[in-house]
Amino acid sequence: MVGVVNTAMGIGLTVAWLALLGDSVPPSVGVVAAYVTGIGVAFVLHRRLVFRVRGRVLRDFLGFAAVNCGGLVANAVLLEVAVSLFGFPRALSAVVVMGTVAAGSFFGHQYISFRRPAV
């Protein structure tokens, strides 16, 4: 559920930034703006509700940011390719690309961001 909320928030922020910035700005700028405005909320939701971990907040956040940066790069590049190279609509492309990258990011968070040593 958190993934759905986070993805919906990211899509909403991206679409809003794309509309706000207009066609004169590359769509990847909208992706970056959405990332910067949503990372704090996403971290707290994943940490508390999905992975339910304690301690190591800084390490977890750095891992979370690293995984999200990989997702950010993938989102920006894939959106740019979809819009600029293939001519797909900006908002629809953002939704499809972000949904796909979000599914892959879950595993990054599971194995990197919030991983805990085996007991």
PDB file of N, CA and C in Angstrom:
ATOM      1  N   MET A   1       0.820  -1.194   0.000  1.00  0.00           N
ATOM      2  CA  MET A   1       0.000   0.000   0.000  1.00  0.00           C
ATOM      3  C   MET A   1       0.867   1.263   0.000  1.00  0.00           C
ATOM      4  N   VAL A   2       1.958   1.234   0.773  1.00  0.00           N
ATOM      5  CA  VAL A   2       2.858   2.386   0.817  1.00  0.00           C
ATOM      6  C   VAL A   2       3.475   2.626  -0.560  1.00  0.00           C
ATOM      7  N   GLY A   3       3.829   1.558  -1.235  1.00  0.00           N
ATOM      8  CA  GLY A   3       4.380   1.703  -2.582  1.00  0.00           C
ATOM      9  C   GLY A   3       3.391   2.376  -3.516  1.00  0.00           C
ATOM     10  N   VAL A   4       2.125   2.009  -3.392  1.00  0.00           N
ATOM     11  CA  VAL A   4       1.090   2.619  -4.225  1.00  0.00           C
ATOM     12  C   VAL A   4       0.945   4.103  -3.883  1.00  0.00           C
ATOM     13  N   VAL A   5       0.890   4.418  -2.587  1.00  0.00           N
ATOM     14  CA  VAL A   5       0.774   5.813  -2.153  1.00  0.00           C
ATOM     15  C   VAL A   5       1.990   6.603  -2.594  1.00  0.00           C
ATOM     16  N   ASN A   6       3.174   6.050  -2.364  1.00  0.00           N
ATOM     17  CA  ASN A   6       4.402   6.736  -2.735  1.00  0.00           C
ATOM     18  C   ASN A   6       4.492   6.936  -4.250  1.00  0.00           C
ATOM     19  N   THR A   7       4.129   5.902  -5.002  1.00  0.00           N
ATOM     20  CA  THR A   7       4.161   6.014  -6.459  1.00  0.00           C
ATOM     21  C   THR A   7       3.136   7.041  -6.930  1.00  0.00           C
ATOM     22  N   ALA A   8       1.949   7.004  -6.355  1.00  0.00           N
ATOM     23  CA  ALA A   8       0.927   7.988  -6.725  1.00  0.00           C
ATOM     24  C   ALA A   8       1.386   9.401  -6.389  1.00  0.00           C
ATOM     25  N   MET A   9       2.016   9.566  -5.224  1.00  0.00           N
ATOM     26  CA  MET A   9       2.538  10.874  -4.844  1.00  0.00           C
ATOM     27  C   MET A   9       3.615  11.305  -5.839  1.00  0.00           C
ATOM     28  N   GLY A  10       4.523  10.383  -6.168  1.00  0.00           N
ATOM     29  CA  GLY A  10       5.588  10.708  -7.122  1.00  0.00           C
ATOM     30  C   GLY A  10       5.048  11.053  -8.493  1.00  0.00           C
ATOM     31  N   ILE A  11       4.052  10.294  -8.939  1.00  0.00           N
ATOM     32  CA  ILE A  11       3.433  10.577 -10.239  1.00  0.00           C
ATOM     33  C   ILE A  11       2.733  11.933 -10.191  1.00  0.00           C
ATOM     34  N   GLY A  12       1.985  12.163  -9.129  1.00  0.00           N
ATOM     35  CA  GLY A  12       1.290  13.446  -8.991  1.00  0.00           C
ATOM     36  C   GLY A  12       2.252  14.619  -8.965  1.00  0.00           C
ATOM     37  N   LEU A  13       3.319  14.477  -8.192  1.00  0.00           N
ATOM     38  CA  LEU A  13       4.321  15.547  -8.140  1.00  0.00           C
ATOM     39  C   LEU A  13       4.988  15.744  -9.495  1.00  0.00           C
ATOM     40  N   THR A  14       5.305  14.651 -10.177  1.00  0.00           N
ATOM     41  CA  THR A  14       5.959  14.763 -11.480  1.00  0.00           C
ATOM     42  C   THR A  14       5.039  15.439 -12.494  1.00  0.00           C
ATOM     43  N   VAL A  15       3.803  14.982 -12.557  1.00  0.00           N
ATOM     44  CA  VAL A  15       2.854  15.578 -13.502  1.00  0.00           C
ATOM     45  C   VAL A  15       2.646  17.060 -13.170  1.00  0.00           C
ATOM     46  N   ALA A  16       2.556  17.387 -11.868  1.00  0.00           N
ATOM     47  CA  ALA A  16       2.390  18.786 -11.463  1.00  0.00           C
ATOM     48  C   ALA A  16       3.602  19.618 -11.872  1.00  0.00           C
ATOM     49  N   TRP A  17       4.802  19.098 -11.626  1.00  0.00           N
ATOM     50  CA  TRP A  17       6.015  19.825 -12.012  1.00  0.00           C
ATOM     51  C   TRP A  17       6.110  19.968 -13.526  1.00  0.00           C
ATOM     52  N   LEU A  18       5.738  18.927 -14.280  1.00  0.00           N
ATOM     53  CA  LEU A  18       5.752  19.020 -15.744  1.00  0.00           C
ATOM     54  C   LEU A  18       4.815  20.129 -16.215  1.00  0.00           C
ATOM     55  N   ALA A  19       3.635  20.210 -15.619  1.00  0.00           N
ATOM     56  CA  ALA A  19       2.675  21.254 -15.992  1.00  0.00           C
ATOM     57  C   ALA A  19       3.182  22.641 -15.592  1.00  0.00           C
ATOM     58  N   LEU A  20       3.745  22.715 -14.393  1.00  0.00           N
ATOM     59  CA  LEU A  20       4.238  23.996 -13.887  1.00  0.00           C
ATOM     60  C   LEU A  20       5.424  24.505 -14.704  1.00  0.00           C
ATOM     61  N   LEU A  21       6.325  23.606 -15.055  1.00  0.00           N
ATOM     62  CA  LEU A  21       7.532  24.005 -15.780  1.00  0.00           C
ATOM     63  C   LEU A  21       7.279  24.254 -17.263  1.00  0.00           C
ATOM     64  N   GLY A  22       6.290  23.596 -17.831  1.00  0.00           N
ATOM     65  CA  GLY A  22       5.946  23.808 -19.236  1.00  0.00           C
ATOM     66  C   GLY A  22       6.835  23.043 -20.196  1.00  0.00           C
ATOM     67  N   ASP A  23       6.511  23.173 -21.463  1.00  0.00           N
ATOM     68  CA  ASP A  23       7.199  22.422 -22.513  1.00  0.00           C
ATOM     69  C   ASP A  23       8.598  22.933 -22.833  1.00  0.00           C
ATOM     70  N   SER A  24       8.945  24.114 -22.367  1.00  0.00           N
ATOM     71  CA  SER A  24      10.270  24.655 -22.684  1.00  0.00           C
ATOM     72  C   SER A  24      11.375  24.047 -21.819  1.00  0.00           C
ATOM     73  N   VAL A  25      10.987  23.309 -20.788  1.00  0.00           N
ATOM     74  CA  VAL A  25      11.942  22.676 -19.876  1.00  0.00           C
ATOM     75  C   VAL A  25      11.930  21.172 -20.140  1.00  0.00           C
ATOM     76  N   PRO A  26      13.109  20.544 -20.198  1.00  0.00           N
ATOM     77  CA  PRO A  26      13.135  19.087 -20.418  1.00  0.00           C
ATOM     78  C   PRO A  26      12.326  18.347 -19.343  1.00  0.00           C
ATOM     79  N   PRO A  27      11.619  17.270 -19.720  1.00  0.00           N
ATOM     80  CA  PRO A  27      10.792  16.561 -18.745  1.00  0.00           C
ATOM     81  C   PRO A  27      11.588  15.970 -17.586  1.00  0.00           C
ATOM     82  N   SER A  28      12.861  15.694 -17.802  1.00  0.00           N
ATOM     83  CA  SER A  28      13.671  15.144 -16.714  1.00  0.00           C
ATOM     84  C   SER A  28      13.789  16.117 -15.547  1.00  0.00           C
ATOM     85  N   VAL A  29      13.669  17.415 -15.797  1.00  0.00           N
ATOM     86  CA  VAL A  29      13.716  18.405 -14.723  1.00  0.00           C
ATOM     87  C   VAL A  29      12.498  18.232 -13.810  1.00  0.00           C
ATOM     88  N   GLY A  30      11.358  17.905 -14.381  1.00  0.00           N
ATOM     89  CA  GLY A  30      10.165  17.635 -13.577  1.00  0.00           C
ATOM     90  C   GLY A  30      10.340  16.421 -12.691  1.00  0.00           C
ATOM     91  N   VAL A  31      11.017  15.410 -13.208  1.00  0.00           N
ATOM     92  CA  VAL A  31      11.284  14.198 -12.426  1.00  0.00           C
ATOM     93  C   VAL A  31      12.177  14.535 -11.232  1.00  0.00           C
ATOM     94  N   VAL A  32      13.217  15.318 -11.459  1.00  0.00           N
ATOM     95  CA  VAL A  32      14.140  15.702 -10.381  1.00  0.00           C
ATOM     96  C   VAL A  32      13.409  16.543  -9.335  1.00  0.00           C
ATOM     97  N   ALA A  33      12.606  17.477  -9.778  1.00  0.00           N
ATOM     98  CA  ALA A  33      11.862  18.320  -8.836  1.00  0.00           C
ATOM     99  C   ALA A  33      10.910  17.480  -7.985  1.00  0.00           C
ATOM    100  N   ALA A  34      10.254  16.514  -8.592  1.00  0.00           N
ATOM    101  CA  ALA A  34       9.350  15.633  -7.838  1.00  0.00           C
ATOM    102  C   ALA A  34      10.130  14.799  -6.829  1.00  0.00           C
ATOM    103  N   TYR A  35      11.291  14.319  -7.227  1.00  0.00           N
ATOM    104  CA  TYR A  35      12.135  13.526  -6.334  1.00  0.00           C
ATOM    105  C   TYR A  35      12.517  14.335  -5.100  1.00  0.00           C
ATOM    106  N   VAL A  36      12.983  15.541  -5.313  1.00  0.00           N
ATOM    107  CA  VAL A  36      13.442  16.386  -4.205  1.00  0.00           C
ATOM    108  C   VAL A  36      12.284  16.722  -3.266  1.00  0.00           C
ATOM    109  N   THR A  37      11.105  16.946  -3.818  1.00  0.00           N
ATOM    110  CA  THR A  37       9.975  17.324  -2.969  1.00  0.00           C
ATOM    111  C   THR A  37       9.325  16.134  -2.264  1.00  0.00           C
ATOM    112  N   GLY A  38       9.578  14.920  -2.721  1.00  0.00           N
ATOM    113  CA  GLY A  38       8.896  13.768  -2.131  1.00  0.00           C
ATOM    114  C   GLY A  38       9.733  12.792  -1.335  1.00  0.00           C
ATOM    115  N   ILE A  39      11.065  12.924  -1.321  1.00  0.00           N
ATOM    116  CA  ILE A  39      11.918  11.888  -0.716  1.00  0.00           C
ATOM    117  C   ILE A  39      11.718  11.748   0.794  1.00  0.00           C
ATOM    118  N   GLY A  40      11.517  12.834   1.499  1.00  0.00           N
ATOM    119  CA  GLY A  40      11.353  12.758   2.957  1.00  0.00           C
ATOM    120  C   GLY A  40      10.116  11.967   3.358  1.00  0.00           C
ATOM    121  N   VAL A  41       9.012  12.260   2.720  1.00  0.00           N
ATOM    122  CA  VAL A  41       7.765  11.536   3.003  1.00  0.00           C
ATOM    123  C   VAL A  41       7.922  10.063   2.641  1.00  0.00           C
ATOM    124  N   ALA A  42       8.511   9.801   1.497  1.00  0.00           N
ATOM    125  CA  ALA A  42       8.700   8.416   1.047  1.00  0.00           C
ATOM    126  C   ALA A  42       9.560   7.630   2.038  1.00  0.00           C
ATOM    127  N   PHE A  43      10.634   8.230   2.541  1.00  0.00           N
ATOM    128  CA  PHE A  43      11.519   7.558   3.492  1.00  0.00           C
ATOM    129  C   PHE A  43      10.764   7.179   4.763  1.00  0.00           C
ATOM    130  N   VAL A  44      10.039   8.118   5.321  1.00  0.00           N
ATOM    131  CA  VAL A  44       9.311   7.856   6.565  1.00  0.00           C
ATOM    132  C   VAL A  44       8.263   6.759   6.358  1.00  0.00           C
ATOM    133  N   LEU A  45       7.517   6.821   5.276  1.00  0.00           N
ATOM    134  CA  LEU A  45       6.486   5.810   5.020  1.00  0.00           C
ATOM    135  C   LEU A  45       7.099   4.417   4.858  1.00  0.00           C
ATOM    136  N   HIS A  46       8.179   4.324   4.088  1.00  0.00           N
ATOM    137  CA  HIS A  46       8.818   3.017   3.892  1.00  0.00           C
ATOM    138  C   HIS A  46       9.422   2.488   5.194  1.00  0.00           C
ATOM    139  N   ARG A  47      10.090   3.347   5.912  1.00  0.00           N
ATOM    140  CA  ARG A  47      10.762   2.942   7.146  1.00  0.00           C
ATOM    141  C   ARG A  47       9.770   2.477   8.206  1.00  0.00           C
ATOM    142  N   ARG A  48       8.696   3.213   8.377  1.00  0.00           N
ATOM    143  CA  ARG A  48       7.738   2.909   9.451  1.00  0.00           C
ATOM    144  C   ARG A  48       6.721   1.837   9.077  1.00  0.00           C
ATOM    145  N   LEU A  49       6.221   1.884   7.862  1.00  0.00           N
ATOM    146  CA  LEU A  49       5.085   1.030   7.517  1.00  0.00           C
ATOM    147  C   LEU A  49       5.432  -0.200   6.691  1.00  0.00           C
ATOM    148  N   VAL A  50       6.485  -0.132   5.892  1.00  0.00           N
ATOM    149  CA  VAL A  50       6.805  -1.276   5.028  1.00  0.00           C
ATOM    150  C   VAL A  50       7.836  -2.170   5.685  1.00  0.00           C
ATOM    151  N   PHE A  51       8.992  -1.608   6.000  1.00  0.00           N
ATOM    152  CA  PHE A  51      10.095  -2.426   6.492  1.00  0.00           C
ATOM    153  C   PHE A  51      10.172  -2.474   8.016  1.00  0.00           C
ATOM    154  N   ARG A  52       9.492  -1.563   8.693  1.00  0.00           N
ATOM    155  CA  ARG A  52       9.364  -1.538  10.153  1.00  0.00           C
ATOM    156  C   ARG A  52      10.683  -1.791  10.878  1.00  0.00           C
ATOM    157  N   VAL A  53      11.646  -0.940  10.579  1.00  0.00           N
ATOM    158  CA  VAL A  53      12.969  -1.068  11.190  1.00  0.00           C
ATOM    159  C   VAL A  53      13.174   0.031  12.213  1.00  0.00           C
ATOM    160  N   ARG A  54      14.156  -0.193  13.067  1.00  0.00           N
ATOM    161  CA  ARG A  54      14.535   0.794  14.087  1.00  0.00           C
ATOM    162  C   ARG A  54      16.044   0.987  14.031  1.00  0.00           C
ATOM    163  N   GLY A  55      16.486   2.124  14.549  1.00  0.00           N
ATOM    164  CA  GLY A  55      17.913   2.408  14.595  1.00  0.00           C
ATOM    165  C   GLY A  55      18.482   2.675  13.209  1.00  0.00           C
ATOM    166  N   ARG A  56      19.733   3.036  13.164  1.00  0.00           N
ATOM    167  CA  ARG A  56      20.477   3.253  11.922  1.00  0.00           C
ATOM    168  C   ARG A  56      19.762   4.200  10.957  1.00  0.00           C
ATOM    169  N   VAL A  57      19.178   5.267  11.490  1.00  0.00           N
ATOM    170  CA  VAL A  57      18.379   6.178  10.668  1.00  0.00           C
ATOM    171  C   VAL A  57      19.224   6.800   9.571  1.00  0.00           C
ATOM    172  N   LEU A  58      20.397   7.295   9.896  1.00  0.00           N
ATOM    173  CA  LEU A  58      21.235   7.938   8.887  1.00  0.00           C
ATOM    174  C   LEU A  58      21.661   6.943   7.813  1.00  0.00           C
ATOM    175  N   ARG A  59      22.092   5.760   8.237  1.00  0.00           N
ATOM    176  CA  ARG A  59      22.500   4.727   7.271  1.00  0.00           C
ATOM    177  C   ARG A  59      21.332   4.324   6.386  1.00  0.00           C
ATOM    178  N   ASP A  60      20.162   4.163   6.992  1.00  0.00           N
ATOM    179  CA  ASP A  60      18.970   3.818   6.225  1.00  0.00           C
ATOM    180  C   ASP A  60      18.625   4.918   5.222  1.00  0.00           C
ATOM    181  N   PHE A  61      18.694   6.171   5.673  1.00  0.00           N
ATOM    182  CA  PHE A  61      18.365   7.273   4.767  1.00  0.00           C
ATOM    183  C   PHE A  61      19.359   7.350   3.613  1.00  0.00           C
ATOM    184  N   LEU A  62      20.645   7.157   3.911  1.00  0.00           N
ATOM    185  CA  LEU A  62      21.644   7.196   2.840  1.00  0.00           C
ATOM    186  C   LEU A  62      21.418   6.065   1.835  1.00  0.00           C
ATOM    187  N   GLY A  63      21.107   4.877   2.324  1.00  0.00           N
ATOM    188  CA  GLY A  63      20.785   3.766   1.432  1.00  0.00           C
ATOM    189  C   GLY A  63      19.517   4.041   0.634  1.00  0.00           C
ATOM    190  N   PHE A  64      18.526   4.610   1.311  1.00  0.00           N
ATOM    191  CA  PHE A  64      17.267   4.955   0.659  1.00  0.00           C
ATOM    192  C   PHE A  64      17.509   5.983  -0.438  1.00  0.00           C
ATOM    193  N   ALA A  65      18.289   6.997  -0.111  1.00  0.00           N
ATOM    194  CA  ALA A  65      18.599   8.032  -1.102  1.00  0.00           C
ATOM    195  C   ALA A  65      19.388   7.449  -2.273  1.00  0.00           C
ATOM    196  N   ALA A  66      20.306   6.528  -1.998  1.00  0.00           N
ATOM    197  CA  ALA A  66      21.091   5.909  -3.079  1.00  0.00           C
ATOM    198  C   ALA A  66      20.187   5.094  -4.005  1.00  0.00           C
ATOM    199  N   VAL A  67      19.315   4.283  -3.431  1.00  0.00           N
ATOM    200  CA  VAL A  67      18.384   3.492  -4.253  1.00  0.00           C
ATOM    201  C   VAL A  67      17.471   4.429  -5.036  1.00  0.00           C
ATOM    202  N   ASN A  68      16.969   5.460  -4.357  1.00  0.00           N
ATOM    203  CA  ASN A  68      16.093   6.400  -5.045  1.00  0.00           C
ATOM    204  C   ASN A  68      16.823   7.177  -6.129  1.00  0.00           C
ATOM    205  N   CYS A  69      18.104   7.463  -5.920  1.00  0.00           N
ATOM    206  CA  CYS A  69      18.876   8.146  -6.969  1.00  0.00           C
ATOM    207  C   CYS A  69      18.989   7.267  -8.210  1.00  0.00           C
ATOM    208  N   GLY A  70      19.177   5.971  -8.007  1.00  0.00           N
ATOM    209  CA  GLY A  70      19.176   5.048  -9.139  1.00  0.00           C
ATOM    210  C   GLY A  70      17.832   5.071  -9.848  1.00  0.00           C
ATOM    211  N   GLY A  71      16.764   5.084  -9.062  1.00  0.00           N
ATOM    212  CA  GLY A  71      15.428   5.182  -9.639  1.00  0.00           C
ATOM    213  C   GLY A  71      15.191   6.524 -10.310  1.00  0.00           C
ATOM    214  N   LEU A  72      15.741   7.572  -9.711  1.00  0.00           N
ATOM    215  CA  LEU A  72      15.622   8.909 -10.289  1.00  0.00           C
ATOM    216  C   LEU A  72      16.286   8.966 -11.660  1.00  0.00           C
ATOM    217  N   VAL A  73      17.495   8.427 -11.741  1.00  0.00           N
ATOM    218  CA  VAL A  73      18.213   8.409 -13.021  1.00  0.00           C
ATOM    219  C   VAL A  73      17.426   7.589 -14.049  1.00  0.00           C
ATOM    220  N   ALA A  74      16.949   6.419 -13.631  1.00  0.00           N
ATOM    221  CA  ALA A  74      16.169   5.583 -14.546  1.00  0.00           C
ATOM    222  C   ALA A  74      14.901   6.302 -14.995  1.00  0.00           C
ATOM    223  N   ASN A  75      14.203   6.951 -14.060  1.00  0.00           N
ATOM    224  CA  ASN A  75      13.002   7.701 -14.413  1.00  0.00           C
ATOM    225  C   ASN A  75      13.307   8.823 -15.391  1.00  0.00           C
ATOM    226  N   ALA A  76      14.326   9.604 -15.085  1.00  0.00           N
ATOM    227  CA  ALA A  76      14.658  10.749 -15.936  1.00  0.00           C
ATOM    228  C   ALA A  76      15.054  10.307 -17.339  1.00  0.00           C
ATOM    229  N   VAL A  77      15.925   9.299 -17.414  1.00  0.00           N
ATOM    230  CA  VAL A  77      16.404   8.833 -18.718  1.00  0.00           C
ATOM    231  C   VAL A  77      15.268   8.203 -19.518  1.00  0.00           C
ATOM    232  N   LEU A  78      14.517   7.316 -18.880  1.00  0.00           N
ATOM    233  CA  LEU A  78      13.439   6.638 -19.599  1.00  0.00           C
ATOM    234  C   LEU A  78      12.332   7.609 -20.022  1.00  0.00           C
ATOM    235  N   LEU A  79      12.024   8.590 -19.178  1.00  0.00           N
ATOM    236  CA  LEU A  79      11.025   9.582 -19.551  1.00  0.00           C
ATOM    237  C   LEU A  79      11.518  10.438 -20.713  1.00  0.00           C
ATOM    238  N   GLU A  80      12.758  10.833 -20.639  1.00  0.00           N
ATOM    239  CA  GLU A  80      13.337  11.634 -21.720  1.00  0.00           C
ATOM    240  C   GLU A  80      13.305  10.865 -23.039  1.00  0.00           C
ATOM    241  N   VAL A  81      13.660   9.581 -22.999  1.00  0.00           N
ATOM    242  CA  VAL A  81      13.640   8.739 -24.198  1.00  0.00           C
ATOM    243  C   VAL A  81      12.205   8.591 -24.722  1.00  0.00           C
ATOM    244  N   ALA A  82      11.276   8.321 -23.814  1.00  0.00           N
ATOM    245  CA  ALA A  82       9.883   8.127 -24.231  1.00  0.00           C
ATOM    246  C   ALA A  82       9.321   9.373 -24.907  1.00  0.00           C
ATOM    247  N   VAL A  83       9.632  10.545 -24.338  1.00  0.00           N
ATOM    248  CA  VAL A  83       9.069  11.790 -24.861  1.00  0.00           C
ATOM    249  C   VAL A  83       9.851  12.304 -26.067  1.00  0.00           C
ATOM    250  N   SER A  84      11.170  12.411 -25.913  1.00  0.00           N
ATOM    251  CA  SER A  84      11.982  13.043 -26.960  1.00  0.00           C
ATOM    252  C   SER A  84      12.251  12.136 -28.148  1.00  0.00           C
ATOM    253  N   LEU A  85      12.518  10.880 -27.876  1.00  0.00           N
ATOM    254  CA  LEU A  85      12.884   9.965 -28.962  1.00  0.00           C
ATOM    255  C   LEU A  85      11.654   9.333 -29.615  1.00  0.00           C
ATOM    256  N   PHE A  86      10.698   8.903 -28.792  1.00  0.00           N
ATOM    257  CA  PHE A  86       9.538   8.199 -29.333  1.00  0.00           C
ATOM    258  C   PHE A  86       8.307   9.084 -29.500  1.00  0.00           C
ATOM    259  N   GLY A  87       8.330  10.290 -28.918  1.00  0.00           N
ATOM    260  CA  GLY A  87       7.213  11.220 -29.074  1.00  0.00           C
ATOM    261  C   GLY A  87       5.965  10.872 -28.285  1.00  0.00           C
ATOM    262  N   PHE A  88       6.107  10.041 -27.249  1.00  0.00           N
ATOM    263  CA  PHE A  88       4.956   9.685 -26.418  1.00  0.00           C
ATOM    264  C   PHE A  88       4.546  10.895 -25.574  1.00  0.00           C
ATOM    265  N   PRO A  89       3.281  10.957 -25.144  1.00  0.00           N
ATOM    266  CA  PRO A  89       2.818  12.064 -24.296  1.00  0.00           C
ATOM    267  C   PRO A  89       3.580  12.096 -22.965  1.00  0.00           C
ATOM    268  N   ARG A  90       3.881  13.301 -22.491  1.00  0.00           N
ATOM    269  CA  ARG A  90       4.698  13.478 -21.288  1.00  0.00           C
ATOM    270  C   ARG A  90       4.066  12.852 -20.042  1.00  0.00           C
ATOM    271  N   ALA A  91       2.819  13.196 -19.753  1.00  0.00           N
ATOM    272  CA  ALA A  91       2.196  12.732 -18.511  1.00  0.00           C
ATOM    273  C   ALA A  91       1.989  11.216 -18.516  1.00  0.00           C
ATOM    274  N   LEU A  92       1.493  10.673 -19.607  1.00  0.00           N
ATOM    275  CA  LEU A  92       1.288   9.224 -19.690  1.00  0.00           C
ATOM    276  C   LEU A  92       2.624   8.486 -19.580  1.00  0.00           C
ATOM    277  N   SER A  93       3.638   9.002 -20.232  1.00  0.00           N
ATOM    278  CA  SER A  93       4.968   8.389 -20.153  1.00  0.00           C
ATOM    279  C   SER A  93       5.489   8.409 -18.723  1.00  0.00           C
ATOM    280  N   ALA A  94       5.275   9.523 -18.020  1.00  0.00           N
ATOM    281  CA  ALA A  94       5.723   9.633 -16.627  1.00  0.00           C
ATOM    282  C   ALA A  94       5.057   8.571 -15.765  1.00  0.00           C
ATOM    283  N   VAL A  95       3.774   8.355 -15.959  1.00  0.00           N
ATOM    284  CA  VAL A  95       3.035   7.363 -15.177  1.00  0.00           C
ATOM    285  C   VAL A  95       3.576   5.958 -15.428  1.00  0.00           C
ATOM    286  N   VAL A  96       3.745   5.597 -16.699  1.00  0.00           N
ATOM    287  CA  VAL A  96       4.213   4.249 -17.047  1.00  0.00           C
ATOM    288  C   VAL A  96       5.638   4.024 -16.550  1.00  0.00           C
ATOM    289  N   VAL A  97       6.525   4.975 -16.806  1.00  0.00           N
ATOM    290  CA  VAL A  97       7.926   4.834 -16.402  1.00  0.00           C
ATOM    291  C   VAL A  97       8.040   4.764 -14.883  1.00  0.00           C
ATOM    292  N   MET A  98       7.359   5.656 -14.180  1.00  0.00           N
ATOM    293  CA  MET A  98       7.474   5.672 -12.718  1.00  0.00           C
ATOM    294  C   MET A  98       6.914   4.412 -12.083  1.00  0.00           C
ATOM    295  N   GLY A  99       5.832   3.892 -12.604  1.00  0.00           N
ATOM    296  CA  GLY A  99       5.275   2.645 -12.067  1.00  0.00           C
ATOM    297  C   GLY A  99       6.237   1.489 -12.224  1.00  0.00           C
ATOM    298  N   THR A 100       6.872   1.417 -13.361  1.00  0.00           N
ATOM    299  CA  THR A 100       7.834   0.345 -13.624  1.00  0.00           C
ATOM    300  C   THR A 100       9.061   0.459 -12.720  1.00  0.00           C
ATOM    301  N   VAL A 101       9.602   1.657 -12.617  1.00  0.00           N
ATOM    302  CA  VAL A 101      10.791   1.864 -11.783  1.00  0.00           C
ATOM    303  C   VAL A 101      10.459   1.642 -10.306  1.00  0.00           C
ATOM    304  N   ALA A 102       9.271   2.029  -9.874  1.00  0.00           N
ATOM    305  CA  ALA A 102       8.873   1.842  -8.471  1.00  0.00           C
ATOM    306  C   ALA A 102       8.855   0.367  -8.086  1.00  0.00           C
ATOM    307  N   ALA A 103       8.377  -0.460  -8.979  1.00  0.00           N
ATOM    308  CA  ALA A 103       8.342  -1.899  -8.696  1.00  0.00           C
ATOM    309  C   ALA A 103       9.760  -2.432  -8.483  1.00  0.00           C
ATOM    310  N   GLY A 104      10.698  -2.016  -9.305  1.00  0.00           N
ATOM    311  CA  GLY A 104      12.088  -2.441  -9.145  1.00  0.00           C
ATOM    312  C   GLY A 104      12.750  -1.858  -7.908  1.00  0.00           C
ATOM    313  N   SER A 105      12.369  -0.644  -7.542  1.00  0.00           N
ATOM    314  CA  SER A 105      12.971   0.018  -6.379  1.00  0.00           C
ATOM    315  C   SER A 105      12.653  -0.700  -5.071  1.00  0.00           C
ATOM    316  N   PHE A 106      11.506  -1.364  -5.007  1.00  0.00           N
ATOM    317  CA  PHE A 106      11.148  -2.089  -3.785  1.00  0.00           C
ATOM    318  C   PHE A 106      12.269  -3.042  -3.393  1.00  0.00           C
ATOM    319  N   PHE A 107      12.796  -3.768  -4.365  1.00  0.00           N
ATOM    320  CA  PHE A 107      13.848  -4.741  -4.073  1.00  0.00           C
ATOM    321  C   PHE A 107      15.144  -4.057  -3.650  1.00  0.00           C
ATOM    322  N   GLY A 108      15.423  -2.912  -4.229  1.00  0.00           N
ATOM    323  CA  GLY A 108      16.582  -2.137  -3.787  1.00  0.00           C
ATOM    324  C   GLY A 108      16.451  -1.714  -2.342  1.00  0.00           C
ATOM    325  N   HIS A 109      15.259  -1.303  -1.953  1.00  0.00           N
ATOM    326  CA  HIS A 109      15.044  -0.906  -0.554  1.00  0.00           C
ATOM    327  C   HIS A 109      15.106  -2.118   0.374  1.00  0.00           C
ATOM    328  N   GLN A 110      14.592  -3.230  -0.092  1.00  0.00           N
ATOM    329  CA  GLN A 110      14.609  -4.443   0.732  1.00  0.00           C
ATOM    330  C   GLN A 110      16.037  -4.928   0.963  1.00  0.00           C
ATOM    331  N   TYR A 111      16.860  -4.902  -0.071  1.00  0.00           N
ATOM    332  CA  TYR A 111      18.203  -5.484   0.029  1.00  0.00           C
ATOM    333  C   TYR A 111      19.310  -4.465   0.293  1.00  0.00           C
ATOM    334  N   ILE A 112      19.013  -3.185   0.210  1.00  0.00           N
ATOM    335  CA  ILE A 112      20.042  -2.169   0.443  1.00  0.00           C
ATOM    336  C   ILE A 112      19.596  -1.198   1.547  1.00  0.00           C
ATOM    337  N   SER A 113      18.528  -0.480   1.327  1.00  0.00           N
ATOM    338  CA  SER A 113      18.132   0.605   2.231  1.00  0.00           C
ATOM    339  C   SER A 113      17.846   0.135   3.646  1.00  0.00           C
ATOM    340  N   PHE A 114      17.017  -0.891   3.786  1.00  0.00           N
ATOM    341  CA  PHE A 114      16.547  -1.301   5.110  1.00  0.00           C
ATOM    342  C   PHE A 114      16.980  -2.700   5.489  1.00  0.00           C
ATOM    343  N   ARG A 115      18.018  -3.178   4.847  1.00  0.00           N
ATOM    344  CA  ARG A 115      18.515  -4.529   5.144  1.00  0.00           C
ATOM    345  C   ARG A 115      19.087  -4.565   6.559  1.00  0.00           C
ATOM    346  N   ARG A 116      18.806  -5.633   7.229  1.00  0.00           N
ATOM    347  CA  ARG A 116      19.358  -5.866   8.554  1.00  0.00           C
ATOM    348  C   ARG A 116      20.097  -7.186   8.541  1.00  0.00           C
ATOM    349  N   PRO A 117      21.179  -7.285   9.332  1.00  0.00           N
ATOM    350  CA  PRO A 117      21.934  -8.545   9.394  1.00  0.00           C
ATOM    351  C   PRO A 117      21.049  -9.695   9.869  1.00  0.00           C
ATOM    352  N   ALA A 118      21.310 -10.868   9.347  1.00  0.00           N
ATOM    353  CA  ALA A 118      20.584 -12.070   9.791  1.00  0.00           C
ATOM    354  C   ALA A 118      20.922 -12.334  11.247  1.00  0.00           C
ATOM    355  N   VAL A 119      19.919 -12.730  11.992  1.00  0.00           N
ATOM    356  CA  VAL A 119      20.110 -12.966  13.430  1.00  0.00           C
ATOM    357  C   VAL A 119      20.433 -14.406  13.691  1.00  0.00           C
TER     358      VAL A 119
END
